[in-house]
Protein backbone atom coordinates (compact mmCIF):
# COMPACT_ATOMS: atom_id res chain seq x y z
CA UNK A 1 141.51 86.87 86.32
CA UNK A 2 138.05 88.42 85.83
CA UNK A 3 136.49 90.43 88.63
CA UNK A 4 132.89 91.41 89.29
CA UNK A 5 133.75 95.11 89.40
CA UNK A 6 135.87 97.35 87.22
CA UNK A 7 139.21 98.24 88.82
CA UNK A 8 139.45 101.64 90.40
CA UNK A 9 140.54 104.12 87.78
CA UNK A 10 143.11 106.84 88.16
CA UNK A 11 142.05 110.45 88.69
CA UNK A 12 142.94 111.27 85.11
CA UNK A 13 140.51 108.81 83.49
CA UNK A 14 137.37 109.14 85.60
CA UNK A 15 134.84 111.94 86.08
CA UNK A 16 135.05 114.02 89.22
CA UNK A 17 133.24 112.58 92.21
CA UNK A 18 130.27 114.72 93.17
CA UNK A 19 127.32 114.42 95.54
CA UNK A 20 125.06 113.85 92.53
CA UNK A 21 127.23 110.95 91.27
CA UNK A 22 127.26 109.37 94.73
CA UNK A 23 123.46 109.52 95.02
CA UNK A 24 122.90 108.26 91.46
CA UNK A 25 125.26 105.32 92.11
CA UNK A 26 123.53 104.57 95.43
CA UNK A 27 120.16 104.46 93.69
CA UNK A 28 121.59 102.14 91.04
CA UNK A 29 123.01 99.88 93.77
CA UNK A 30 119.64 99.68 95.53
CA UNK A 31 117.86 99.05 92.22
CA UNK A 32 120.17 96.10 91.57
CA UNK A 33 120.78 94.64 95.03
CA UNK A 34 117.92 95.88 97.21
CA UNK A 35 117.98 98.19 100.21
CA UNK A 36 118.98 95.49 102.71
CA UNK A 37 122.13 94.62 100.76
CA UNK A 38 123.22 98.22 100.27
CA UNK A 39 126.60 99.11 101.80
CA UNK A 40 129.25 101.76 101.30
CA UNK A 41 131.93 99.35 100.14
CA UNK A 42 129.88 98.22 97.15
CA UNK A 43 128.92 101.82 96.46
CA UNK A 44 132.58 102.85 96.44
CA UNK A 45 133.42 99.95 94.11
CA UNK A 46 130.71 101.07 91.70
CA UNK A 47 132.13 104.58 91.72
CA UNK A 48 135.69 103.33 91.34
CA UNK A 49 136.90 105.06 94.51
CA UNK A 50 137.87 104.19 98.06
CA UNK A 51 135.07 104.32 100.65
CA UNK A 52 136.64 107.30 102.41
CA UNK A 53 136.20 109.38 99.25
CA UNK A 54 132.41 109.01 99.49
CA UNK A 55 132.40 110.73 102.89
CA UNK A 56 133.72 113.93 101.36
CA UNK A 57 130.35 114.33 99.64
CA UNK A 58 127.81 112.53 101.85
CA UNK A 59 128.65 112.12 105.58
CA UNK A 60 127.18 108.67 106.28
CA UNK A 61 124.94 105.86 105.08
CA UNK A 62 121.81 107.42 106.58
CA UNK A 63 122.40 110.62 104.64
CA UNK A 64 122.92 108.67 101.41
CA UNK A 65 119.66 106.77 101.88
CA UNK A 66 117.87 110.03 102.63
CA UNK A 67 119.17 111.47 99.36
CA UNK A 68 117.99 108.37 97.49
CA UNK A 69 114.48 108.71 98.92
CA UNK A 70 114.47 112.41 98.07
CA UNK A 71 115.51 111.60 94.49
CA UNK A 72 112.59 109.22 94.06
CA UNK A 73 110.20 111.80 95.55
CA UNK A 74 111.59 114.71 93.55
CA UNK A 75 109.04 114.78 90.75
CA UNK A 76 106.13 113.18 92.59
CA UNK A 77 104.26 116.33 93.61
CA UNK A 78 102.38 117.78 90.62
CA UNK A 79 102.48 121.53 90.13
CA UNK A 80 99.31 122.97 91.60
CA UNK A 81 97.21 124.92 89.14
CA UNK A 82 94.75 127.62 90.07
CA UNK A 83 91.21 126.34 90.01
CA UNK A 84 92.25 122.67 89.86
CA UNK A 85 89.95 120.39 91.84
CA UNK A 86 91.66 119.00 94.93
CA UNK A 87 90.52 115.49 94.07
CA UNK A 88 92.23 115.63 90.67
CA UNK A 89 95.42 116.89 92.30
CA UNK A 90 95.47 113.96 94.71
CA UNK A 91 94.72 111.47 91.93
CA UNK A 92 97.76 112.78 90.03
CA UNK A 93 99.88 112.64 93.18
CA UNK A 94 98.98 109.00 93.83
CA UNK A 95 99.61 107.98 90.22
CA UNK A 96 102.94 109.80 90.03
CA UNK A 97 104.17 108.31 93.29
CA UNK A 98 103.29 104.78 92.21
CA UNK A 99 104.95 105.34 88.82
CA UNK A 100 108.12 106.48 90.59
CA UNK A 101 108.12 103.43 92.86
CA UNK A 102 107.47 101.20 89.87
CA UNK A 103 110.73 102.47 88.38
CA UNK A 104 112.57 101.93 91.69
CA UNK A 105 110.65 99.24 93.63
CA UNK A 106 113.58 98.45 95.92
CA UNK A 107 113.34 101.95 97.38
CA UNK A 108 109.77 101.36 98.60
CA UNK A 109 110.83 99.73 101.91
CA UNK A 110 113.06 102.73 102.67
CA UNK A 111 110.08 105.06 102.40
CA UNK A 112 107.69 102.82 104.29
CA UNK A 113 109.85 101.45 107.09
CA UNK A 114 112.37 104.21 107.77
CA UNK A 115 112.32 107.89 108.63
CA UNK A 116 115.59 108.60 106.82
CA UNK A 117 113.75 110.47 104.08
CA UNK A 118 112.66 113.13 106.58
CA UNK A 119 116.13 114.61 106.24
CA UNK A 120 115.72 115.49 102.59
CA UNK A 121 112.07 115.25 101.42
CA UNK A 122 111.23 118.32 99.36
CA UNK A 123 108.67 120.49 101.14
CA UNK A 124 106.94 120.96 97.77
CA UNK A 125 105.45 117.52 98.36
CA UNK A 126 104.16 118.47 101.82
CA UNK A 127 102.89 121.84 100.60
CA UNK A 128 101.07 120.20 97.68
CA UNK A 129 99.19 117.77 99.91
CA UNK A 130 98.34 120.40 102.50
CA UNK A 131 97.23 122.84 99.82
CA UNK A 132 94.90 120.28 98.24
CA UNK A 133 93.39 119.42 101.61
CA UNK A 134 92.96 123.09 102.46
CA UNK A 135 91.14 123.52 99.15
CA UNK A 136 88.92 120.62 100.23
CA UNK A 137 87.93 122.66 103.27
CA UNK A 138 89.98 120.85 105.90
CA UNK A 139 91.55 122.84 108.72
CA UNK A 140 92.84 122.37 112.23
CA UNK A 141 92.87 118.80 113.55
CA UNK A 142 91.03 117.58 110.43
CA UNK A 143 93.81 118.97 108.24
CA UNK A 144 96.39 117.02 110.24
CA UNK A 145 94.27 113.86 110.14
CA UNK A 146 93.69 114.21 106.41
CA UNK A 147 97.38 114.80 105.71
CA UNK A 148 98.41 111.73 107.73
CA UNK A 149 95.77 109.64 105.97
CA UNK A 150 97.00 110.70 102.52
CA UNK A 151 100.66 110.00 103.27
CA UNK A 152 99.91 106.67 104.96
CA UNK A 153 97.71 105.60 102.05
CA UNK A 154 100.16 106.84 99.46
CA UNK A 155 103.04 104.86 100.92
CA UNK A 156 101.27 101.84 102.40
CA UNK A 157 99.64 100.37 99.29
CA UNK A 158 102.74 100.78 97.16
CA UNK A 159 105.06 99.28 99.77
CA UNK A 160 102.80 96.23 99.88
CA UNK A 161 102.50 96.04 96.11
CA UNK A 162 106.24 96.21 95.46
CA UNK A 163 107.46 94.18 98.44
CA UNK A 164 110.48 92.16 97.27
CA UNK A 165 110.15 88.43 96.82
CA UNK A 166 112.87 86.14 98.25
CA UNK A 167 116.11 86.40 96.27
CA UNK A 168 117.22 82.85 97.07
CA UNK A 169 115.14 79.85 95.98
CA UNK A 170 112.57 82.23 94.47
CA UNK A 171 110.97 79.59 92.23
CA UNK A 172 110.66 77.13 95.09
CA UNK A 173 109.08 79.82 97.28
CA UNK A 174 106.62 80.85 94.55
CA UNK A 175 105.63 77.24 93.96
CA UNK A 176 105.08 76.71 97.68
CA UNK A 177 102.77 79.74 97.87
CA UNK A 178 100.73 78.50 94.91
CA UNK A 179 100.45 74.99 96.32
CA UNK A 180 99.33 76.37 99.69
CA UNK A 181 96.54 78.35 98.01
CA UNK A 182 95.42 75.32 96.01
CA UNK A 183 95.09 73.43 99.29
CA UNK A 184 92.65 75.90 100.88
CA UNK A 185 89.93 73.97 102.71
CA UNK A 186 86.48 75.17 101.50
CA UNK A 187 84.91 73.92 104.72
CA UNK A 188 87.17 75.96 106.96
CA UNK A 189 87.48 79.02 104.68
CA UNK A 190 84.45 79.00 102.35
CA UNK A 191 84.59 82.67 101.23
CA UNK A 192 88.30 82.47 100.45
CA UNK A 193 87.88 79.20 98.55
CA UNK A 194 84.94 80.53 96.51
CA UNK A 195 86.79 83.67 95.49
CA UNK A 196 90.27 82.23 95.13
CA UNK A 197 90.32 82.41 91.30
CA UNK A 198 89.79 86.19 91.61
CA UNK A 199 92.18 86.68 94.52
CA UNK A 200 95.15 84.46 93.66
CA UNK A 201 98.18 86.64 92.81
CA UNK A 202 95.88 89.71 92.68
CA UNK A 203 95.38 90.30 96.40
CA UNK A 204 97.72 91.09 99.28
CA UNK A 205 98.90 88.08 101.31
CA UNK A 206 97.77 85.79 98.46
CA UNK A 207 100.50 86.63 95.93
CA UNK A 208 103.66 84.97 94.68
CA UNK A 209 104.69 87.90 92.45
CA UNK A 210 104.98 91.57 93.32
CA UNK A 211 103.80 94.64 91.43
CA UNK A 212 106.77 94.65 89.08
CA UNK A 213 105.50 91.43 87.48
CA UNK A 214 101.81 91.48 88.43
CA UNK A 215 100.72 95.12 88.95
CA UNK A 216 97.51 95.80 90.86
CA UNK A 217 96.29 98.60 88.59
CA UNK A 218 92.54 98.23 89.07
CA UNK A 219 92.84 97.79 92.82
CA UNK A 220 95.04 100.87 93.06
CA UNK A 221 92.57 103.04 91.14
CA UNK A 222 89.77 101.84 93.42
CA UNK A 223 91.94 102.43 96.47
CA UNK A 224 92.63 106.05 95.49
CA UNK A 225 88.91 106.71 95.07
CA UNK A 226 88.25 105.19 98.50
CA UNK A 227 90.85 107.51 100.04
CA UNK A 228 89.24 110.52 98.37
CA UNK A 229 85.80 109.41 99.56
CA UNK A 230 87.18 109.16 103.09
CA UNK A 231 88.53 112.71 102.87
CA UNK A 232 85.17 113.94 101.63
CA UNK A 233 83.57 112.35 104.68
CA UNK A 234 86.20 113.93 106.93
CA UNK A 235 85.50 117.44 105.67
CA UNK A 236 81.86 116.99 106.65
CA UNK A 237 82.95 116.46 110.27
CA UNK A 238 83.33 120.15 111.04
C-alpha cells in the first residue's frame, strides 16, 4: 500500500542527522505546508527519523522556527562598503529581503507575527542597518526611531504582499473577492469605484492573489523611496 512519506530508513542507508539537515528540512516543510501546519511529527517523517531524534539537535519547535527565520535572513544584509551612500545600502537591503521572502513566502508570517527569530537573527543585519543610519547622521533617540522604522517597513510590506491565500476552496474565495469588488457602489465609494481598474489585485485589501502570483514591484520601489525620504526628514530633526 502506498504511503505519503518514505519509510524511515536504517542508520546504514541514510545521511547522519545534523542541525543543518533539521533546519533545511523544516524550511522545506514550511515552504510546502505553511507555518501554521508545521509540526515536529511531519518534520521527523521528512527526515526519516523518530521525533525524539530531532531533539538531539534542536531542543524544541520554537528553536527550530528561530533557525528557519535566521536562515532566510542570513544573506539579507549587504556587505557595507566604505564610501557607499547610506540610501543605496538601504535600497539593497530592502530588495534582498524581499527577494529572500519571495523564495520562501510562507516564512513571512513567522518574521512579522512572532519574536522567535530574535533567538538567532545574525547581528550583521542589525549592525548594517545601524551603520547606514549612523552614516545618515542619526544618533540617540533618532537612531532608535530610524532603526525601528526601517525594520517595521522592511517586514510589514512584505508580510502583506506574501500573505497566504486560503488553502481550501481557493478558487471559490478568489471568485468571491472579485465579485465583491465588481459590486462596489460608486455612490457610496466614488473614489474607490473610479480607481478600481488600477487598484484591483494591485493594492492591499483589494487582492485575490498574493505576491507570488501578482508581485507589487512598482509599489515596493515607491515604498522604499518613501521610507528613505522619511529618514531624510528625521535626520533634519536634530
